């Protein structure tokens, strides 16, 4: 099943258009015997007919296995028709199942601009596809200057990395298709400050509205900070840029404050380390001074004791003290001080002996065995 066919003389036929895109009517191809029409994909013979839902299309008499158009599902064909209808309602020329000359891509719906140049491909992607394939196929369109929007009806792993729309089919006949994911706006509570909440929020709208906004340039594909791609207005992007700049400025201020705090903390640590060093130096100097004082005291005491020891020695000749005669001494004699004899000089006189403490120790009265003082 497909919406396009090729005639040898008329050229390309589009069943979704009233004039088939070549100035012919549907009656010229529908149930016309002997009319040879070919599939633009596999070049096999096709015929014109109308589905039970009153959709005009072309079908293969024998479905080939290698023809992409022949193996598309009815949902795929219906979605392509909806996309083409929405593009035409927006005022643009749109053709179904159009490929480039190199046959590197074939768009489900190819939209042409005011100068009749292809600029947008609308791809109804209902079959599975990897994100890598989606990126590769998008790049193929971009190589020919054609943008692309991928449309699905279920959540797909590739919808975050390429411009896409996720649709909800109509519940009842005659209802409109709606966009559930892919269109977003930027909301920022007033007043516009860093502290007020701001976020990208996805919105729902009708499919024809979304297609009109995309084709008219009112929205464009925007890549968020996390790499997610969605369609949004440029005013929202500018608002997000303003918010990002405020956040960047606030972050820069916070970093400066943090750097200043780290610098002050480093200075405080350095000052504390300097205080500890000075305190340690003071303790070292105090310890050295105390050690010097102790050495000086020790030297003074050593000199004192050496001098005292030299005073105990009386030179090269020793001093002796004579005891009183063995006769019974009188009371007065017991009180008389002893005399020094055999001294080397007159320095051993009684006067000197009287003030020499070893002499006075020697003159301390002692008791005799008989109880008398001697």
Protein backbone atom coordinates (compact mmCIF):
# COMPACT_ATOMS: atom_id res chain seq x y z
CA UNK A 1 0.00 0.00 0.00
CA UNK A 2 1.31 3.44 -0.91
CA UNK A 3 0.12 6.89 -1.85
CA UNK A 4 2.39 7.39 -4.87
CA UNK A 5 2.86 5.79 -8.26
CA UNK A 6 4.74 6.54 -11.45
CA UNK A 7 3.25 6.81 -14.97
CA UNK A 8 5.39 6.73 -18.09
CA UNK A 9 3.89 9.95 -19.51
CA UNK A 10 2.25 11.70 -16.56
CA UNK A 11 5.16 11.27 -14.20
CA UNK A 12 4.70 10.98 -10.46
CA UNK A 13 1.16 10.55 -9.08
CA UNK A 14 0.13 11.41 -5.50
CA UNK A 15 -3.16 9.90 -4.36
CA UNK A 16 -3.46 12.38 -1.49
CA UNK A 17 -3.85 15.32 -3.90
CA UNK A 18 -6.98 16.09 -5.83
CA UNK A 19 -5.10 16.56 -9.10
CA UNK A 20 -2.66 13.73 -8.25
CA UNK A 21 0.12 16.28 -8.50
CA UNK A 22 0.20 16.10 -12.28
CA UNK A 23 -3.06 17.71 -13.37
CA UNK A 24 -4.98 14.44 -13.57
CA UNK A 25 -8.03 13.34 -11.58
CA UNK A 26 -8.53 10.19 -9.60
CA UNK A 27 -10.98 8.98 -12.21
CA UNK A 28 -8.13 8.86 -14.72
CA UNK A 29 -6.36 6.12 -12.76
CA UNK A 30 -9.03 4.40 -10.69
CA UNK A 31 -10.25 1.17 -12.28
CA UNK A 32 -8.81 2.06 -15.66
CA UNK A 33 -7.97 -1.08 -17.60
CA UNK A 34 -4.64 -1.27 -19.34
CA UNK A 35 -3.20 1.65 -17.35
CA UNK A 36 0.34 0.80 -16.34
CA UNK A 37 1.43 2.32 -13.06
CA UNK A 38 4.66 1.48 -11.27
CA UNK A 39 5.80 1.66 -7.63
CA UNK A 40 8.41 4.41 -7.16
CA UNK A 41 10.31 2.20 -4.71
CA UNK A 42 10.55 -1.22 -6.37
CA UNK A 43 9.23 -0.37 -9.87
CA UNK A 44 6.69 -3.15 -9.60
CA UNK A 45 3.21 -2.75 -11.08
CA UNK A 46 0.59 -1.13 -8.84
CA UNK A 47 -3.12 -0.36 -9.08
CA UNK A 48 -5.34 2.42 -7.73
CA UNK A 49 -8.09 1.74 -5.22
CA UNK A 50 -10.00 3.20 -2.24
CA UNK A 51 -9.79 1.69 1.26
CA UNK A 52 -12.83 1.02 3.48
CA UNK A 53 -11.93 4.28 5.30
CA UNK A 54 -12.22 6.13 1.97
CA UNK A 55 -8.46 6.63 1.66
CA UNK A 56 -7.15 6.60 -1.91
CA UNK A 57 -3.94 4.66 -2.44
CA UNK A 58 -1.98 2.37 -4.72
CA UNK A 59 -1.33 -1.29 -4.02
CA UNK A 60 0.79 -4.10 -5.43
CA UNK A 61 -1.06 -6.95 -7.03
CA UNK A 62 1.60 -9.23 -5.55
CA UNK A 63 3.32 -7.77 -2.51
CA UNK A 64 7.11 -7.95 -2.92
CA UNK A 65 9.26 -8.74 0.10
CA UNK A 66 11.91 -6.15 -0.59
CA UNK A 67 9.65 -3.13 -1.16
CA UNK A 68 9.51 -0.75 1.81
CA UNK A 69 6.31 0.92 0.61
CA UNK A 70 4.51 -2.36 0.16
CA UNK A 71 5.39 -3.56 3.66
CA UNK A 72 4.33 -0.47 5.58
CA UNK A 73 1.49 -0.90 8.04
CA UNK A 74 -1.91 0.77 7.61
CA UNK A 75 -1.18 2.91 10.70
CA UNK A 76 1.97 4.14 9.02
CA UNK A 77 0.08 5.14 5.89
CA UNK A 78 -2.62 6.90 7.89
CA UNK A 79 -0.06 8.83 9.89
CA UNK A 80 1.75 9.91 6.74
CA UNK A 81 -1.50 11.19 5.34
CA UNK A 82 -2.17 13.17 8.52
CA UNK A 83 1.29 14.75 8.37
CA UNK A 84 0.88 15.74 4.74
CA UNK A 85 -2.56 17.16 5.44
CA UNK A 86 -1.25 19.24 8.36
CA UNK A 87 1.64 20.60 6.29
CA UNK A 88 -0.70 21.59 3.48
CA UNK A 89 -3.09 23.21 5.94
CA UNK A 90 -0.18 25.37 7.11
CA UNK A 91 0.20 26.70 3.57
CA UNK A 92 3.10 24.60 2.31
CA UNK A 93 3.46 22.19 -0.57
CA UNK A 94 3.98 18.69 0.75
CA UNK A 95 4.53 15.47 -1.17
CA UNK A 96 4.51 11.94 0.12
CA UNK A 97 7.19 9.31 -0.32
CA UNK A 98 9.78 11.53 -1.98
CA UNK A 99 13.47 10.59 -2.13
CA UNK A 100 16.62 12.32 -3.30
CA UNK A 101 18.40 11.59 -6.54
CA UNK A 102 21.16 9.64 -4.80
CA UNK A 103 18.48 7.47 -3.14
CA UNK A 104 20.18 7.89 0.26
CA UNK A 105 16.88 8.86 1.89
CA UNK A 106 13.17 8.81 1.18
CA UNK A 107 10.91 11.08 3.20
CA UNK A 108 7.44 10.02 4.20
CA UNK A 109 6.39 13.66 3.75
CA UNK A 110 8.68 16.20 2.09
CA UNK A 111 7.74 19.86 2.59
CA UNK A 112 8.85 22.61 0.19
CA UNK A 113 9.42 26.26 1.04
CA UNK A 114 8.14 29.37 -0.74
CA UNK A 115 10.90 29.05 -3.36
CA UNK A 116 9.79 25.45 -4.00
CA UNK A 117 12.89 24.00 -2.33
CA UNK A 118 12.67 21.01 0.03
CA UNK A 119 13.51 22.08 3.57
CA UNK A 120 11.67 19.76 5.98
CA UNK A 121 11.03 16.02 6.11
CA UNK A 122 8.30 14.58 8.32
CA UNK A 123 9.07 10.96 9.14
CA UNK A 124 6.41 8.66 10.57
CA UNK A 125 8.62 6.21 12.45
CA UNK A 126 6.52 3.43 13.96
CA UNK A 127 9.00 0.57 13.53
CA UNK A 128 11.92 0.09 15.95
CA UNK A 129 15.04 2.16 15.39
CA UNK A 130 18.20 2.62 17.42
CA UNK A 131 19.41 6.07 18.49
CA UNK A 132 22.48 5.60 16.32
CA UNK A 133 20.33 4.93 13.25
CA UNK A 134 18.18 7.96 14.02
CA UNK A 135 21.25 10.18 14.25
CA UNK A 136 22.71 8.73 11.06
CA UNK A 137 19.52 9.18 9.06
CA UNK A 138 19.14 12.72 10.40
CA UNK A 139 22.65 13.52 9.21
CA UNK A 140 21.81 12.18 5.76
CA UNK A 141 18.96 14.68 5.49
CA UNK A 142 21.17 17.47 6.83
CA UNK A 143 23.77 16.75 4.13
CA UNK A 144 21.17 17.82 1.53
CA UNK A 145 20.04 20.84 3.55
CA UNK A 146 16.83 19.22 4.76
CA UNK A 147 15.72 19.25 8.38
CA UNK A 148 13.72 16.35 9.77
CA UNK A 149 11.15 15.72 12.47
CA UNK A 150 10.57 12.15 13.61
CA UNK A 151 7.04 11.25 14.67
CA UNK A 152 6.08 8.23 16.74
CA UNK A 153 3.11 7.06 18.76
CA UNK A 154 5.06 5.35 21.55
CA UNK A 155 8.01 6.24 23.72
CA UNK A 156 11.18 5.44 21.80
CA UNK A 157 14.84 5.43 22.89
CA UNK A 158 15.83 7.76 20.05
CA UNK A 159 13.30 10.53 20.72
CA UNK A 160 15.60 12.33 23.19
CA UNK A 161 18.49 12.67 20.73
CA UNK A 162 16.76 13.90 17.55
CA UNK A 163 13.96 16.39 16.84
CA UNK A 164 10.78 14.41 17.34
CA UNK A 165 7.13 14.42 18.34
CA UNK A 166 5.21 11.73 20.18
CA UNK A 167 1.55 11.65 19.18
CA UNK A 168 -1.65 10.30 20.62
CA UNK A 169 -4.07 9.01 17.98
CA UNK A 170 -7.68 10.25 18.07
CA UNK A 171 -10.03 8.24 20.25
CA UNK A 172 -13.03 8.82 18.05
CA UNK A 173 -13.41 9.21 14.33
CA UNK A 174 -13.05 12.81 13.35
CA UNK A 175 -11.03 13.80 16.43
CA UNK A 176 -7.66 15.47 16.03
CA UNK A 177 -4.24 13.98 16.67
CA UNK A 178 -2.48 15.45 19.71
CA UNK A 179 1.16 15.91 20.64
CA UNK A 180 2.08 14.41 24.00
CA UNK A 181 5.86 14.89 23.96
CA UNK A 182 8.33 16.98 21.99
CA UNK A 183 6.96 20.52 22.42
CA UNK A 184 8.23 22.43 25.46
CA UNK A 185 8.13 25.86 27.02
CA UNK A 186 10.37 27.48 29.61
CA UNK A 187 8.57 28.61 32.76
CA UNK A 188 10.23 31.03 35.19
CA UNK A 189 8.33 32.35 38.16
CA UNK A 190 8.34 36.09 38.75
CA UNK A 191 10.28 37.97 39.85
CA UNK A 192 12.98 36.63 37.57
CA UNK A 193 15.72 35.89 40.07
CA UNK A 194 17.99 32.97 40.69
CA UNK A 195 15.96 31.91 43.71
CA UNK A 196 12.66 31.63 41.84
CA UNK A 197 11.86 28.30 40.22
CA UNK A 198 12.47 27.77 36.52
CA UNK A 199 12.23 24.64 34.36
CA UNK A 200 11.43 23.28 30.93
CA UNK A 201 7.94 21.79 30.81
CA UNK A 202 6.46 19.74 28.00
CA UNK A 203 3.15 20.89 26.61
CA UNK A 204 0.36 19.22 24.69
CA UNK A 205 -1.15 20.61 21.52
CA UNK A 206 -2.88 19.47 18.34
CA UNK A 207 -0.76 17.95 15.61
CA UNK A 208 -1.73 20.54 13.00
CA UNK A 209 -0.68 23.33 15.40
CA UNK A 210 2.70 21.74 16.05
CA UNK A 211 3.34 21.18 12.33
CA UNK A 212 2.35 24.77 11.54
CA UNK A 213 4.67 26.17 14.24
CA UNK A 214 7.55 24.02 13.00
CA UNK A 215 7.14 24.82 9.30
CA UNK A 216 6.59 28.53 9.91
CA UNK A 217 9.70 28.74 12.05
CA UNK A 218 7.85 29.76 15.20
CA UNK A 219 9.55 26.89 17.02
CA UNK A 220 12.85 25.22 16.32
CA UNK A 221 14.80 22.23 17.60
CA UNK A 222 16.62 23.06 20.83
CA UNK A 223 19.15 20.88 22.61
CA UNK A 224 19.01 21.09 26.39
CA UNK A 225 21.96 20.89 28.81
CA UNK A 226 21.49 17.13 29.18
CA UNK A 227 21.43 16.56 25.40
CA UNK A 228 17.66 16.20 25.09
CA UNK A 229 16.20 17.72 21.92
CA UNK A 230 12.75 19.29 21.79
CA UNK A 231 10.83 21.89 19.83
CA UNK A 232 10.42 25.28 21.48
CA UNK A 233 10.10 29.00 20.72
CA UNK A 234 13.16 31.21 20.53
CA UNK A 235 11.76 33.48 23.23
CA UNK A 236 11.84 30.56 25.65
CA UNK A 237 15.44 29.84 24.72
CA UNK A 238 16.38 33.47 25.32
CA UNK A 239 14.67 33.35 28.70
CA UNK A 240 16.59 30.20 29.56
CA UNK A 241 19.81 31.90 28.47
CA UNK A 242 19.10 34.84 30.78
CA UNK A 243 18.48 32.44 33.64
CA UNK A 244 21.66 30.54 32.83
CA UNK A 245 23.67 33.76 32.87
CA UNK A 246 22.24 34.72 36.25
CA UNK A 247 23.08 31.29 37.58
CA UNK A 248 26.58 31.56 36.13
CA UNK A 249 27.08 34.99 37.72
CA UNK A 250 25.75 33.74 41.05
CA UNK A 251 28.00 30.73 40.82
CA UNK A 252 30.96 32.96 40.04
CA UNK A 253 30.17 35.13 43.07
CA UNK A 254 29.85 32.05 45.25
CA UNK A 255 33.15 30.77 43.97
CA UNK A 256 34.78 34.12 44.69
CA UNK A 257 33.32 34.12 48.20
CA UNK A 258 34.47 30.55 48.73
CA UNK A 259 37.92 31.43 47.40
CA UNK A 260 38.07 34.44 49.75
CA UNK A 261 37.00 32.27 52.66
CA UNK A 262 39.65 29.71 51.76
CA UNK A 263 42.22 32.49 51.51
CA UNK A 264 41.24 33.91 54.91
CA UNK A 265 41.30 30.43 56.43
CA UNK A 266 44.76 29.88 54.96
CA UNK A 267 45.92 33.21 56.39
CA UNK A 268 44.49 32.27 59.79
CA UNK A 269 46.25 28.93 59.67
CA UNK A 270 49.47 30.67 58.67
CA UNK A 271 49.06 33.19 61.51
CA UNK A 272 48.36 30.40 63.99
CA UNK A 273 51.41 28.51 62.72
CA UNK A 274 53.50 31.70 63.10
CA UNK A 275 52.21 32.16 66.64
CA UNK A 276 53.10 28.59 67.45
CA UNK A 277 56.54 29.11 65.97
CA UNK A 278 57.08 32.30 67.98
CA UNK A 279 55.85 30.57 71.13
CA UNK A 280 58.23 27.70 70.47
CA UNK A 281 61.04 30.19 69.88
CA UNK A 282 60.19 31.97 73.14
CA UNK A 283 60.24 28.65 74.98
CA UNK A 284 63.58 27.78 73.40
CA UNK A 285 65.08 31.15 74.34
CA UNK A 286 63.68 30.84 77.88
CA UNK A 287 65.15 27.34 78.15
CA UNK A 288 68.53 28.60 76.91
CA UNK A 289 68.45 31.53 79.35
CA UNK A 290 67.51 29.21 82.19
CA UNK A 291 70.30 26.85 81.20
CA UNK A 292 72.75 29.78 81.11
CA UNK A 293 71.60 30.93 84.55
CA UNK A 294 71.97 27.40 85.89
CA UNK A 295 75.47 27.15 84.44
CA UNK A 296 76.36 30.56 85.91
CA UNK A 297 74.97 29.52 89.31
CA UNK A 298 76.81 26.26 89.10
CA UNK A 299 80.07 28.06 88.26
CA UNK A 300 79.51 30.53 91.13
CA UNK A 301 78.82 27.69 93.57
CA UNK A 302 81.80 25.76 92.28
CA UNK A 303 84.05 28.78 92.83
CA UNK A 304 82.53 29.29 96.27
CA UNK A 305 83.10 25.70 97.32
CA UNK A 306 86.64 25.72 95.91
CA UNK A 307 87.33 28.91 97.86
CA UNK A 308 85.82 27.38 100.99
CA UNK A 309 87.91 24.25 100.54
CA UNK A 310 91.05 26.36 100.15
CA UNK A 311 90.22 28.14 103.42
CA UNK A 312 90.03 24.79 105.17
CA UNK A 313 93.54 24.01 104.04
CA UNK A 314 96.19 26.19 105.76
CA UNK A 315 98.71 26.11 103.11
CA UNK A 316 101.67 23.70 102.89
CA UNK A 317 102.01 23.44 106.72
CA UNK A 318 99.19 22.05 108.74
CA UNK A 319 97.67 23.72 111.77
CA UNK A 320 97.44 21.97 115.17
CA UNK A 321 95.84 22.89 118.40
CA UNK A 322 97.39 22.22 121.80
CA UNK A 323 95.27 21.01 124.58
CA UNK A 324 95.62 22.50 128.12
CA UNK A 325 98.09 20.90 130.53
CA UNK A 326 96.95 17.75 132.20
CA UNK A 327 96.73 19.56 135.57
CA UNK A 328 93.26 20.15 136.86
CA UNK A 329 92.17 23.32 135.24
CA UNK A 330 90.55 26.06 137.08
CA UNK A 331 87.13 27.36 136.24
CA UNK A 332 88.68 30.30 134.42
CA UNK A 333 91.02 28.08 132.48
CA UNK A 334 88.11 26.11 131.10
CA UNK A 335 86.75 29.29 129.69
CA UNK A 336 90.06 30.37 128.12
CA UNK A 337 90.24 29.84 124.36
CA UNK A 338 92.83 27.49 123.02
CA UNK A 339 95.89 28.78 121.18
CA UNK A 340 97.22 27.76 117.81
CA UNK A 341 100.85 26.71 117.50
CA UNK A 342 103.18 25.90 114.69
CA UNK A 343 101.32 28.04 112.21
CA UNK A 344 103.16 29.16 109.12
CA UNK A 345 102.49 32.83 109.77
CA UNK A 346 100.98 35.22 112.20
CA UNK A 347 97.70 34.72 110.30
CA UNK A 348 97.03 31.84 112.65
CA UNK A 349 96.58 34.17 115.55
CA UNK A 350 93.81 33.86 118.08
CA UNK A 351 91.88 36.62 116.42
CA UNK A 352 91.77 34.79 113.13
CA UNK A 353 91.00 31.48 114.81
CA UNK A 354 88.19 33.09 116.71
CA UNK A 355 86.35 33.88 113.46
CA UNK A 356 87.20 30.70 111.61
CA UNK A 357 84.16 28.37 111.84
CA UNK A 358 86.21 25.14 111.78
CA UNK A 359 88.13 26.52 114.76
CA UNK A 360 84.99 27.26 116.67
CA UNK A 361 83.71 23.82 115.87
CA UNK A 362 86.95 22.41 117.27
CA UNK A 363 86.58 24.59 120.38
CA UNK A 364 83.13 23.32 121.16
CA UNK A 365 83.16 22.16 124.80
CA UNK A 366 83.21 18.42 125.22
CA UNK A 367 82.45 16.39 128.31
CA UNK A 368 85.10 14.07 129.72
CA UNK A 369 84.29 10.58 130.83
CA UNK A 370 84.19 11.88 134.36
CA UNK A 371 81.51 14.34 133.49
CA UNK A 372 83.82 17.38 133.55
CA UNK A 373 84.21 19.88 130.76
CA UNK A 374 87.57 19.97 129.08
